[in-house]
Amino acid sequence: MIYKDHLESPRLITRFLTKEDEAPWMEYCCDPVATRFTGIPGKNPEELARFMIEVGMKRYAEGRLGPQVLLSKETGELVGMCALLVQEPNGKREIEVGYHLLRRFWGKGYATEAAQLLRDYGFENGDMDSIISIIDPLNVASQAVALRNGMCVSERGVGFKGNTYDIYRITRREWEQLKTGPQGA
């Protein structure tokens, strides 16, 4: 799949990460509530911001999928990040849609909008049979986003990167049904 940026939804536009994103991303990395489920322990906020940006940029350099900055179309502000990523829960290669938002943008539908944008891009430009989200069982907000993204739990208690997660999944067939609407409508 060719991975592009400058994807657009009604309120958001994406772009690839740059080194200059470290400073604005500090707002996220300094927020222990926002970072609770990030899954990157043992780093102070500066290290976490640098790590997240550098890993994303390294993915691009290697021709892999990675995170993109989410910007408000209205204000140009950084809202968060969203990504398509190759992951291997249970040793099986999967494409994941993931998202991290600055807490001041929570509860406004941005995570769902971003997740649906990347889900649609993935299915429209890739040949995968399904797209997943790997979610901590305690992360109720991300579970709700996954459900609004047309996903449902496909596996519970999956060991991944030293923790236990639930896998939410939408198949290509389910996505096609979402896009076309109910039969006979």
N, C-alpha and C. Protein backbone atom coordinates (compact mmCIF):
# COMPACT_ATOMS: atom_id res chain seq x y z
N MET A 1 0.85 -1.17 0.00
CA MET A 1 0.00 0.00 0.00
C MET A 1 0.89 1.24 0.00
N ILE A 2 0.59 2.18 -0.85
CA ILE A 2 1.26 3.48 -0.83
C ILE A 2 0.58 4.30 0.25
N TYR A 3 1.36 4.79 1.20
CA TYR A 3 0.84 5.52 2.36
C TYR A 3 0.98 7.01 2.11
N LYS A 4 -0.12 7.70 2.03
CA LYS A 4 -0.13 9.14 1.75
C LYS A 4 -0.57 9.91 2.99
N ASP A 5 -0.17 11.16 3.02
CA ASP A 5 -0.70 12.06 4.04
C ASP A 5 -1.60 13.09 3.35
N HIS A 6 -1.95 14.11 4.06
CA HIS A 6 -2.91 15.11 3.60
C HIS A 6 -4.27 14.46 3.31
N LEU A 7 -4.62 13.48 4.14
CA LEU A 7 -5.95 12.89 4.08
C LEU A 7 -6.89 13.86 4.76
N GLU A 8 -8.14 13.92 4.29
CA GLU A 8 -9.08 14.88 4.85
C GLU A 8 -10.38 14.22 5.24
N SER A 9 -10.90 14.68 6.37
CA SER A 9 -12.24 14.34 6.83
C SER A 9 -12.97 15.69 6.99
N PRO A 10 -14.21 15.69 7.42
CA PRO A 10 -14.90 16.98 7.53
C PRO A 10 -14.17 18.03 8.39
N ARG A 11 -13.54 17.60 9.49
CA ARG A 11 -12.92 18.58 10.39
C ARG A 11 -11.41 18.44 10.53
N LEU A 12 -10.82 17.42 9.92
CA LEU A 12 -9.40 17.11 10.14
C LEU A 12 -8.65 16.96 8.83
N ILE A 13 -7.35 17.22 8.91
CA ILE A 13 -6.43 16.93 7.83
C ILE A 13 -5.20 16.28 8.47
N THR A 14 -4.59 15.33 7.77
CA THR A 14 -3.41 14.66 8.31
C THR A 14 -2.16 15.13 7.58
N ARG A 15 -1.04 14.95 8.25
CA ARG A 15 0.25 15.12 7.58
C ARG A 15 1.26 14.25 8.30
N PHE A 16 2.33 13.90 7.58
CA PHE A 16 3.39 13.11 8.18
C PHE A 16 4.08 13.92 9.28
N LEU A 17 4.61 13.21 10.25
CA LEU A 17 5.33 13.82 11.36
C LEU A 17 6.62 14.49 10.90
N THR A 18 7.01 15.54 11.64
CA THR A 18 8.31 16.17 11.46
C THR A 18 8.94 16.34 12.85
N LYS A 19 10.21 16.59 12.88
CA LYS A 19 10.93 16.83 14.15
C LYS A 19 10.29 17.98 14.93
N GLU A 20 9.74 18.96 14.23
CA GLU A 20 9.11 20.12 14.88
C GLU A 20 7.84 19.75 15.65
N ASP A 21 7.33 18.56 15.46
CA ASP A 21 6.12 18.14 16.19
C ASP A 21 6.41 17.74 17.63
N GLU A 22 7.68 17.58 17.99
CA GLU A 22 8.01 17.20 19.37
C GLU A 22 7.48 18.22 20.37
N ALA A 23 7.67 19.51 20.12
CA ALA A 23 7.25 20.54 21.08
C ALA A 23 5.73 20.54 21.28
N PRO A 24 4.91 20.61 20.24
CA PRO A 24 3.47 20.59 20.50
C PRO A 24 2.98 19.25 21.04
N TRP A 25 3.70 18.16 20.75
CA TRP A 25 3.28 16.84 21.23
C TRP A 25 3.55 16.67 22.73
N MET A 26 4.34 17.58 23.30
CA MET A 26 4.60 17.55 24.74
C MET A 26 3.32 17.69 25.56
N GLU A 27 2.33 18.41 25.04
CA GLU A 27 1.06 18.54 25.76
C GLU A 27 0.47 17.16 26.04
N TYR A 28 0.52 16.29 25.05
CA TYR A 28 0.04 14.92 25.23
C TYR A 28 0.93 14.16 26.21
N CYS A 29 2.23 14.23 25.99
CA CYS A 29 3.17 13.43 26.76
C CYS A 29 3.27 13.84 28.22
N CYS A 30 2.90 15.07 28.54
CA CYS A 30 2.90 15.55 29.93
C CYS A 30 1.60 15.24 30.66
N ASP A 31 0.64 14.66 29.99
CA ASP A 31 -0.68 14.40 30.56
C ASP A 31 -0.80 12.92 30.95
N PRO A 32 -0.71 12.61 32.25
CA PRO A 32 -0.76 11.20 32.66
C PRO A 32 -2.10 10.52 32.36
N VAL A 33 -3.17 11.28 32.25
CA VAL A 33 -4.47 10.70 31.90
C VAL A 33 -4.47 10.32 30.42
N ALA A 34 -3.99 11.21 29.57
CA ALA A 34 -3.96 10.94 28.13
C ALA A 34 -3.03 9.79 27.79
N THR A 35 -1.90 9.70 28.49
CA THR A 35 -0.89 8.69 28.15
C THR A 35 -1.08 7.37 28.88
N ARG A 36 -2.12 7.26 29.69
CA ARG A 36 -2.32 6.05 30.50
C ARG A 36 -2.25 4.77 29.68
N PHE A 37 -2.82 4.78 28.49
CA PHE A 37 -2.88 3.56 27.67
C PHE A 37 -1.92 3.59 26.48
N THR A 38 -0.94 4.47 26.51
CA THR A 38 0.00 4.58 25.39
C THR A 38 0.84 3.32 25.22
N GLY A 39 1.14 2.64 26.31
CA GLY A 39 1.90 1.39 26.21
C GLY A 39 3.38 1.57 25.99
N ILE A 40 3.90 2.74 26.37
CA ILE A 40 5.34 3.00 26.24
C ILE A 40 5.82 3.45 27.62
N PRO A 41 6.13 2.50 28.49
CA PRO A 41 6.51 2.85 29.87
C PRO A 41 7.97 3.29 29.99
N GLY A 42 8.26 3.94 31.13
CA GLY A 42 9.64 4.21 31.50
C GLY A 42 10.28 5.41 30.85
N LYS A 43 9.50 6.29 30.25
CA LYS A 43 10.08 7.48 29.62
C LYS A 43 9.47 8.72 30.26
N ASN A 44 10.31 9.74 30.47
CA ASN A 44 9.76 11.01 30.92
C ASN A 44 9.08 11.69 29.73
N PRO A 45 8.31 12.76 29.95
CA PRO A 45 7.56 13.36 28.83
C PRO A 45 8.42 13.75 27.63
N GLU A 46 9.59 14.32 27.88
CA GLU A 46 10.45 14.73 26.76
C GLU A 46 10.92 13.51 25.97
N GLU A 47 11.32 12.47 26.68
CA GLU A 47 11.76 11.24 26.01
C GLU A 47 10.61 10.59 25.24
N LEU A 48 9.42 10.60 25.82
CA LEU A 48 8.26 10.00 25.15
C LEU A 48 7.93 10.76 23.87
N ALA A 49 7.91 12.10 23.94
CA ALA A 49 7.61 12.89 22.74
C ALA A 49 8.64 12.63 21.65
N ARG A 50 9.91 12.67 22.02
CA ARG A 50 10.98 12.44 21.04
C ARG A 50 10.87 11.02 20.46
N PHE A 51 10.65 10.03 21.34
CA PHE A 51 10.53 8.64 20.90
C PHE A 51 9.38 8.46 19.91
N MET A 52 8.21 8.98 20.25
CA MET A 52 7.04 8.78 19.38
C MET A 52 7.24 9.42 18.01
N ILE A 53 7.82 10.61 17.99
CA ILE A 53 8.07 11.30 16.71
C ILE A 53 9.15 10.57 15.92
N GLU A 54 10.25 10.21 16.58
CA GLU A 54 11.35 9.54 15.89
C GLU A 54 10.94 8.18 15.33
N VAL A 55 10.18 7.41 16.09
CA VAL A 55 9.74 6.10 15.61
C VAL A 55 8.84 6.27 14.39
N GLY A 56 7.94 7.25 14.43
CA GLY A 56 7.09 7.50 13.27
C GLY A 56 7.89 7.88 12.03
N MET A 57 8.85 8.78 12.20
CA MET A 57 9.67 9.21 11.07
C MET A 57 10.53 8.07 10.55
N LYS A 58 11.02 7.20 11.45
CA LYS A 58 11.80 6.04 11.03
C LYS A 58 10.94 5.10 10.18
N ARG A 59 9.68 4.94 10.58
CA ARG A 59 8.77 4.09 9.79
C ARG A 59 8.65 4.62 8.36
N TYR A 60 8.49 5.94 8.22
CA TYR A 60 8.39 6.52 6.87
C TYR A 60 9.66 6.24 6.07
N ALA A 61 10.81 6.46 6.71
CA ALA A 61 12.09 6.27 6.03
C ALA A 61 12.26 4.83 5.54
N GLU A 62 11.65 3.88 6.28
CA GLU A 62 11.73 2.47 5.90
C GLU A 62 10.59 2.05 4.96
N GLY A 63 9.77 3.02 4.55
CA GLY A 63 8.67 2.71 3.64
C GLY A 63 7.51 1.97 4.30
N ARG A 64 7.38 2.16 5.62
CA ARG A 64 6.32 1.47 6.37
C ARG A 64 5.21 2.44 6.75
N LEU A 65 4.10 1.88 7.17
CA LEU A 65 3.01 2.67 7.70
C LEU A 65 3.41 3.27 9.03
N GLY A 66 2.83 4.42 9.38
CA GLY A 66 3.16 5.07 10.65
C GLY A 66 2.16 6.14 11.01
N PRO A 67 2.40 6.78 12.16
CA PRO A 67 1.46 7.80 12.63
C PRO A 67 1.49 9.06 11.78
N GLN A 68 0.36 9.74 11.76
CA GLN A 68 0.25 11.03 11.12
C GLN A 68 -0.34 12.02 12.12
N VAL A 69 0.08 13.25 12.02
CA VAL A 69 -0.47 14.32 12.84
C VAL A 69 -1.89 14.60 12.36
N LEU A 70 -2.77 14.85 13.31
CA LEU A 70 -4.14 15.29 13.02
C LEU A 70 -4.22 16.78 13.29
N LEU A 71 -4.62 17.54 12.31
CA LEU A 71 -4.75 18.99 12.45
C LEU A 71 -6.19 19.40 12.26
N SER A 72 -6.65 20.36 13.06
CA SER A 72 -7.97 20.93 12.88
C SER A 72 -7.99 21.75 11.61
N LYS A 73 -8.94 21.49 10.73
CA LYS A 73 -9.07 22.30 9.51
C LYS A 73 -9.42 23.74 9.86
N GLU A 74 -10.20 23.92 10.90
CA GLU A 74 -10.68 25.25 11.28
C GLU A 74 -9.58 26.12 11.86
N THR A 75 -8.76 25.56 12.75
CA THR A 75 -7.77 26.37 13.48
C THR A 75 -6.33 26.05 13.13
N GLY A 76 -6.07 24.91 12.50
CA GLY A 76 -4.71 24.48 12.23
C GLY A 76 -4.02 23.86 13.43
N GLU A 77 -4.71 23.78 14.58
CA GLU A 77 -4.12 23.22 15.79
C GLU A 77 -3.88 21.72 15.68
N LEU A 78 -2.84 21.26 16.37
CA LEU A 78 -2.58 19.84 16.49
C LEU A 78 -3.63 19.25 17.44
N VAL A 79 -4.38 18.28 16.95
CA VAL A 79 -5.44 17.62 17.72
C VAL A 79 -4.92 16.32 18.31
N GLY A 80 -4.04 15.64 17.57
CA GLY A 80 -3.51 14.36 18.02
C GLY A 80 -2.77 13.67 16.90
N MET A 81 -2.73 12.35 17.00
CA MET A 81 -2.13 11.51 15.95
C MET A 81 -3.06 10.34 15.68
N CYS A 82 -3.00 9.86 14.47
CA CYS A 82 -3.72 8.65 14.08
C CYS A 82 -2.82 7.89 13.13
N ALA A 83 -2.97 6.57 13.11
CA ALA A 83 -2.03 5.78 12.30
C ALA A 83 -2.66 4.51 11.79
N LEU A 84 -2.16 4.07 10.67
CA LEU A 84 -2.24 2.69 10.26
C LEU A 84 -0.87 2.11 10.55
N LEU A 85 -0.84 0.96 11.22
CA LEU A 85 0.41 0.33 11.61
C LEU A 85 0.35 -1.17 11.33
N VAL A 86 1.46 -1.74 10.94
CA VAL A 86 1.56 -3.19 10.85
C VAL A 86 1.90 -3.68 12.25
N GLN A 87 1.07 -4.57 12.79
CA GLN A 87 1.28 -5.15 14.11
C GLN A 87 1.21 -6.66 13.99
N GLU A 88 1.70 -7.35 15.01
CA GLU A 88 1.66 -8.82 15.01
C GLU A 88 1.17 -9.37 16.34
N PRO A 89 -0.09 -9.10 16.69
CA PRO A 89 -0.61 -9.74 17.90
C PRO A 89 -0.75 -11.24 17.65
N ASN A 90 -0.35 -12.05 18.61
CA ASN A 90 -0.38 -13.51 18.46
C ASN A 90 0.42 -13.99 17.26
N GLY A 91 1.41 -13.22 16.84
CA GLY A 91 2.27 -13.63 15.73
C GLY A 91 1.64 -13.54 14.36
N LYS A 92 0.44 -12.96 14.26
CA LYS A 92 -0.25 -12.83 12.97
C LYS A 92 -0.14 -11.39 12.49
N ARG A 93 0.32 -11.20 11.25
CA ARG A 93 0.47 -9.85 10.69
C ARG A 93 -0.91 -9.24 10.44
N GLU A 94 -1.12 -8.06 11.03
CA GLU A 94 -2.40 -7.35 10.94
C GLU A 94 -2.14 -5.87 10.68
N ILE A 95 -3.14 -5.18 10.14
CA ILE A 95 -3.08 -3.73 10.02
C ILE A 95 -3.97 -3.15 11.11
N GLU A 96 -3.38 -2.28 11.92
CA GLU A 96 -4.11 -1.66 13.02
C GLU A 96 -4.35 -0.18 12.73
N VAL A 97 -5.52 0.30 13.10
CA VAL A 97 -5.75 1.74 13.16
C VAL A 97 -5.68 2.11 14.64
N GLY A 98 -4.84 3.10 14.94
CA GLY A 98 -4.66 3.56 16.30
C GLY A 98 -4.74 5.07 16.36
N TYR A 99 -4.94 5.61 17.55
CA TYR A 99 -5.14 7.05 17.69
C TYR A 99 -4.76 7.49 19.10
N HIS A 100 -4.23 8.70 19.18
CA HIS A 100 -3.92 9.38 20.44
C HIS A 100 -4.35 10.84 20.24
N LEU A 101 -5.16 11.36 21.15
CA LEU A 101 -5.60 12.75 21.06
C LEU A 101 -5.19 13.52 22.30
N LEU A 102 -4.91 14.82 22.11
CA LEU A 102 -4.72 15.70 23.24
C LEU A 102 -6.04 15.72 24.01
N ARG A 103 -5.95 15.70 25.33
CA ARG A 103 -7.16 15.53 26.13
C ARG A 103 -8.17 16.65 25.92
N ARG A 104 -7.73 17.85 25.61
CA ARG A 104 -8.71 18.94 25.42
C ARG A 104 -9.60 18.72 24.19
N PHE A 105 -9.24 17.73 23.36
CA PHE A 105 -10.07 17.42 22.19
C PHE A 105 -10.90 16.15 22.38
N TRP A 106 -10.84 15.54 23.56
CA TRP A 106 -11.64 14.35 23.84
C TRP A 106 -13.12 14.71 23.87
N GLY A 107 -13.95 13.73 23.54
CA GLY A 107 -15.40 13.89 23.66
C GLY A 107 -16.01 14.74 22.57
N LYS A 108 -15.28 15.01 21.50
CA LYS A 108 -15.78 15.86 20.42
C LYS A 108 -15.91 15.11 19.10
N GLY A 109 -15.67 13.80 19.14
CA GLY A 109 -15.81 12.99 17.93
C GLY A 109 -14.58 12.93 17.05
N TYR A 110 -13.49 13.57 17.43
CA TYR A 110 -12.29 13.57 16.59
C TYR A 110 -11.65 12.19 16.45
N ALA A 111 -11.62 11.43 17.53
CA ALA A 111 -11.00 10.09 17.47
C ALA A 111 -11.77 9.21 16.49
N THR A 112 -13.09 9.25 16.57
CA THR A 112 -13.91 8.45 15.65
C THR A 112 -13.71 8.92 14.21
N GLU A 113 -13.71 10.23 14.01
CA GLU A 113 -13.53 10.78 12.66
C GLU A 113 -12.18 10.37 12.08
N ALA A 114 -11.14 10.44 12.89
CA ALA A 114 -9.80 10.06 12.44
C ALA A 114 -9.71 8.57 12.18
N ALA A 115 -10.26 7.76 13.08
CA ALA A 115 -10.21 6.31 12.92
C ALA A 115 -10.95 5.88 11.65
N GLN A 116 -12.10 6.48 11.39
CA GLN A 116 -12.85 6.14 10.19
C GLN A 116 -12.13 6.59 8.93
N LEU A 117 -11.47 7.74 8.99
CA LEU A 117 -10.69 8.22 7.85
C LEU A 117 -9.58 7.24 7.49
N LEU A 118 -8.82 6.80 8.51
CA LEU A 118 -7.72 5.87 8.26
C LEU A 118 -8.22 4.48 7.90
N ARG A 119 -9.32 4.04 8.52
CA ARG A 119 -9.93 2.75 8.16
C ARG A 119 -10.30 2.75 6.68
N ASP A 120 -10.99 3.80 6.25
CA ASP A 120 -11.41 3.88 4.85
C ASP A 120 -10.21 3.93 3.92
N TYR A 121 -9.20 4.72 4.27
CA TYR A 121 -7.99 4.79 3.45
C TYR A 121 -7.34 3.42 3.33
N GLY A 122 -7.26 2.71 4.46
CA GLY A 122 -6.65 1.38 4.45
C GLY A 122 -7.38 0.41 3.52
N PHE A 123 -8.69 0.34 3.63
CA PHE A 123 -9.44 -0.58 2.78
C PHE A 123 -9.43 -0.13 1.32
N GLU A 124 -9.49 1.17 1.07
CA GLU A 124 -9.52 1.67 -0.31
C GLU A 124 -8.17 1.51 -1.02
N ASN A 125 -7.08 1.46 -0.26
CA ASN A 125 -5.75 1.45 -0.87
C ASN A 125 -4.92 0.21 -0.56
N GLY A 126 -5.46 -0.71 0.20
CA GLY A 126 -4.74 -1.93 0.55
C GLY A 126 -5.56 -3.15 0.23
N ASP A 127 -4.93 -4.30 0.35
CA ASP A 127 -5.62 -5.54 0.02
C ASP A 127 -5.89 -6.40 1.26
N MET A 128 -5.90 -5.77 2.43
CA MET A 128 -6.12 -6.53 3.66
C MET A 128 -7.57 -6.99 3.77
N ASP A 129 -7.74 -8.13 4.47
CA ASP A 129 -9.07 -8.69 4.69
C ASP A 129 -9.78 -8.04 5.86
N SER A 130 -9.00 -7.46 6.79
CA SER A 130 -9.59 -6.80 7.95
C SER A 130 -8.63 -5.77 8.50
N ILE A 131 -9.16 -4.89 9.33
CA ILE A 131 -8.37 -3.90 10.06
C ILE A 131 -8.76 -4.04 11.52
N ILE A 132 -7.75 -3.91 12.39
CA ILE A 132 -7.99 -4.11 13.81
C ILE A 132 -7.65 -2.85 14.60
N SER A 133 -8.08 -2.84 15.85
CA SER A 133 -7.58 -1.92 16.87
C SER A 133 -7.23 -2.79 18.08
N ILE A 134 -6.06 -2.57 18.64
CA ILE A 134 -5.58 -3.30 19.81
C ILE A 134 -5.82 -2.40 21.02
N ILE A 135 -6.73 -2.82 21.92
CA ILE A 135 -7.21 -1.92 22.97
C ILE A 135 -7.11 -2.57 24.34
N ASP A 136 -6.58 -1.80 25.27
CA ASP A 136 -6.53 -2.23 26.67
C ASP A 136 -7.97 -2.46 27.16
N PRO A 137 -8.22 -3.56 27.85
CA PRO A 137 -9.58 -3.85 28.32
C PRO A 137 -10.16 -2.78 29.25
N LEU A 138 -9.31 -1.94 29.84
CA LEU A 138 -9.79 -0.86 30.71
C LEU A 138 -10.03 0.45 29.96
N ASN A 139 -9.66 0.51 28.70
CA ASN A 139 -9.77 1.75 27.93
C ASN A 139 -11.16 1.84 27.28
N VAL A 140 -12.12 2.23 28.07
CA VAL A 140 -13.52 2.28 27.64
C VAL A 140 -13.72 3.28 26.50
N ALA A 141 -13.03 4.40 26.55
CA ALA A 141 -13.19 5.42 25.50
C ALA A 141 -12.74 4.87 24.14
N SER A 142 -11.60 4.18 24.09
CA SER A 142 -11.14 3.62 22.82
C SER A 142 -12.04 2.48 22.35
N GLN A 143 -12.58 1.73 23.28
CA GLN A 143 -13.54 0.69 22.90
C GLN A 143 -14.75 1.31 22.20
N ALA A 144 -15.23 2.44 22.72
CA ALA A 144 -16.38 3.12 22.12
C ALA A 144 -16.03 3.62 20.72
N VAL A 145 -14.81 4.15 20.55
CA VAL A 145 -14.38 4.60 19.22
C VAL A 145 -14.36 3.41 18.26
N ALA A 146 -13.82 2.28 18.69
CA ALA A 146 -13.76 1.09 17.83
C ALA A 146 -15.16 0.64 17.41
N LEU A 147 -16.09 0.67 18.34
CA LEU A 147 -17.46 0.28 18.00
C LEU A 147 -18.06 1.24 16.98
N ARG A 148 -17.84 2.55 17.16
CA ARG A 148 -18.33 3.53 16.19
C ARG A 148 -17.61 3.40 14.85
N ASN A 149 -16.44 2.77 14.86
CA ASN A 149 -15.67 2.53 13.64
C ASN A 149 -16.12 1.24 12.95
N GLY A 150 -17.21 0.65 13.44
CA GLY A 150 -17.75 -0.56 12.82
C GLY A 150 -17.10 -1.83 13.27
N MET A 151 -16.25 -1.76 14.28
CA MET A 151 -15.52 -2.93 14.76
C MET A 151 -16.28 -3.62 15.88
N CYS A 152 -15.93 -4.87 16.10
CA CYS A 152 -16.43 -5.60 17.26
C CYS A 152 -15.27 -6.44 17.80
N VAL A 153 -15.41 -6.88 19.04
CA VAL A 153 -14.36 -7.67 19.66
C VAL A 153 -14.23 -9.00 18.91
N SER A 154 -13.03 -9.30 18.47
CA SER A 154 -12.79 -10.59 17.81
C SER A 154 -11.97 -11.51 18.69
N GLU A 155 -11.16 -10.95 19.59
CA GLU A 155 -10.34 -11.75 20.52
C GLU A 155 -10.18 -10.97 21.82
N ARG A 156 -10.22 -11.70 22.92
CA ARG A 156 -10.00 -11.08 24.24
C ARG A 156 -8.74 -11.68 24.87
N GLY A 157 -8.08 -10.85 25.70
CA GLY A 157 -6.94 -11.34 26.46
C GLY A 157 -5.74 -11.72 25.63
N VAL A 158 -5.48 -10.99 24.57
CA VAL A 158 -4.36 -11.28 23.68
C VAL A 158 -3.09 -10.67 24.28
N GLY A 159 -2.07 -11.47 24.43
CA GLY A 159 -0.78 -10.97 24.88
C GLY A 159 -0.08 -10.24 23.75
N PHE A 160 0.36 -9.01 24.04
CA PHE A 160 1.00 -8.20 23.01
C PHE A 160 1.90 -7.18 23.70
N LYS A 161 3.18 -7.19 23.36
CA LYS A 161 4.17 -6.26 23.91
C LYS A 161 4.13 -6.22 25.44
N GLY A 162 4.00 -7.39 26.04
CA GLY A 162 4.08 -7.50 27.49
C GLY A 162 2.81 -7.18 28.25
N ASN A 163 1.71 -6.90 27.56
CA ASN A 163 0.44 -6.61 28.20
C ASN A 163 -0.66 -7.46 27.58
N THR A 164 -1.85 -7.35 28.13
CA THR A 164 -3.01 -8.09 27.62
C THR A 164 -4.01 -7.11 27.04
N TYR A 165 -4.44 -7.41 25.83
CA TYR A 165 -5.34 -6.50 25.10
C TYR A 165 -6.51 -7.28 24.51
N ASP A 166 -7.52 -6.52 24.11
CA ASP A 166 -8.62 -7.05 23.31
C ASP A 166 -8.42 -6.56 21.88
N ILE A 167 -8.75 -7.42 20.93
CA ILE A 167 -8.63 -7.07 19.51
C ILE A 167 -10.03 -6.78 18.99
N TYR A 168 -10.19 -5.57 18.47
CA TYR A 168 -11.42 -5.17 17.79
C TYR A 168 -11.13 -5.24 16.30
N ARG A 169 -12.11 -5.69 15.53
CA ARG A 169 -11.87 -5.96 14.11
C ARG A 169 -13.08 -5.56 13.27
N ILE A 170 -12.77 -5.09 12.07
CA ILE A 170 -13.78 -4.93 11.03
C ILE A 170 -13.23 -5.61 9.78
N THR A 171 -14.03 -6.44 9.15
CA THR A 171 -13.60 -7.13 7.93
C THR A 171 -13.91 -6.24 6.73
N ARG A 172 -13.28 -6.56 5.63
CA ARG A 172 -13.54 -5.82 4.39
C ARG A 172 -15.03 -5.92 4.03
N ARG A 173 -15.60 -7.10 4.19
CA ARG A 173 -17.03 -7.29 3.86
C ARG A 173 -17.91 -6.41 4.74
N GLU A 174 -17.61 -6.36 6.04
CA GLU A 174 -18.38 -5.51 6.95
C GLU A 174 -18.23 -4.03 6.58
N TRP A 175 -17.01 -3.64 6.21
CA TRP A 175 -16.77 -2.25 5.80
C TRP A 175 -17.54 -1.92 4.53
N GLU A 176 -17.51 -2.84 3.56
CA GLU A 176 -18.26 -2.61 2.32
C GLU A 176 -19.75 -2.44 2.61
N GLN A 177 -20.29 -3.24 3.54
CA GLN A 177 -21.70 -3.11 3.92
C GLN A 177 -21.96 -1.76 4.59
N LEU A 178 -21.03 -1.30 5.41
CA LEU A 178 -21.18 0.02 6.03
C LEU A 178 -21.22 1.12 4.97
N LYS A 179 -20.35 1.00 3.98
CA LYS A 179 -20.23 2.03 2.95
C LYS A 179 -21.43 2.05 2.00
N THR A 180 -22.03 0.89 1.75
CA THR A 180 -23.15 0.83 0.81
C THR A 180 -24.50 0.95 1.50
N GLY A 181 -24.53 0.74 2.81
CA GLY A 181 -25.78 0.82 3.55
C GLY A 181 -26.55 -0.48 3.45
N PRO A 182 -27.70 -0.52 4.13
CA PRO A 182 -28.49 -1.75 4.12
C PRO A 182 -28.99 -2.10 2.72
N GLN A 183 -29.02 -3.39 2.45
CA GLN A 183 -29.50 -3.86 1.14
C GLN A 183 -30.96 -3.44 0.95
N GLY A 184 -31.23 -2.97 -0.24
CA GLY A 184 -32.59 -2.59 -0.58
C GLY A 184 -32.98 -1.21 -0.08
N ALA A 185 -32.05 -0.48 0.47
CA ALA A 185 -32.39 0.86 0.98
C ALA A 185 -32.41 1.88 -0.14
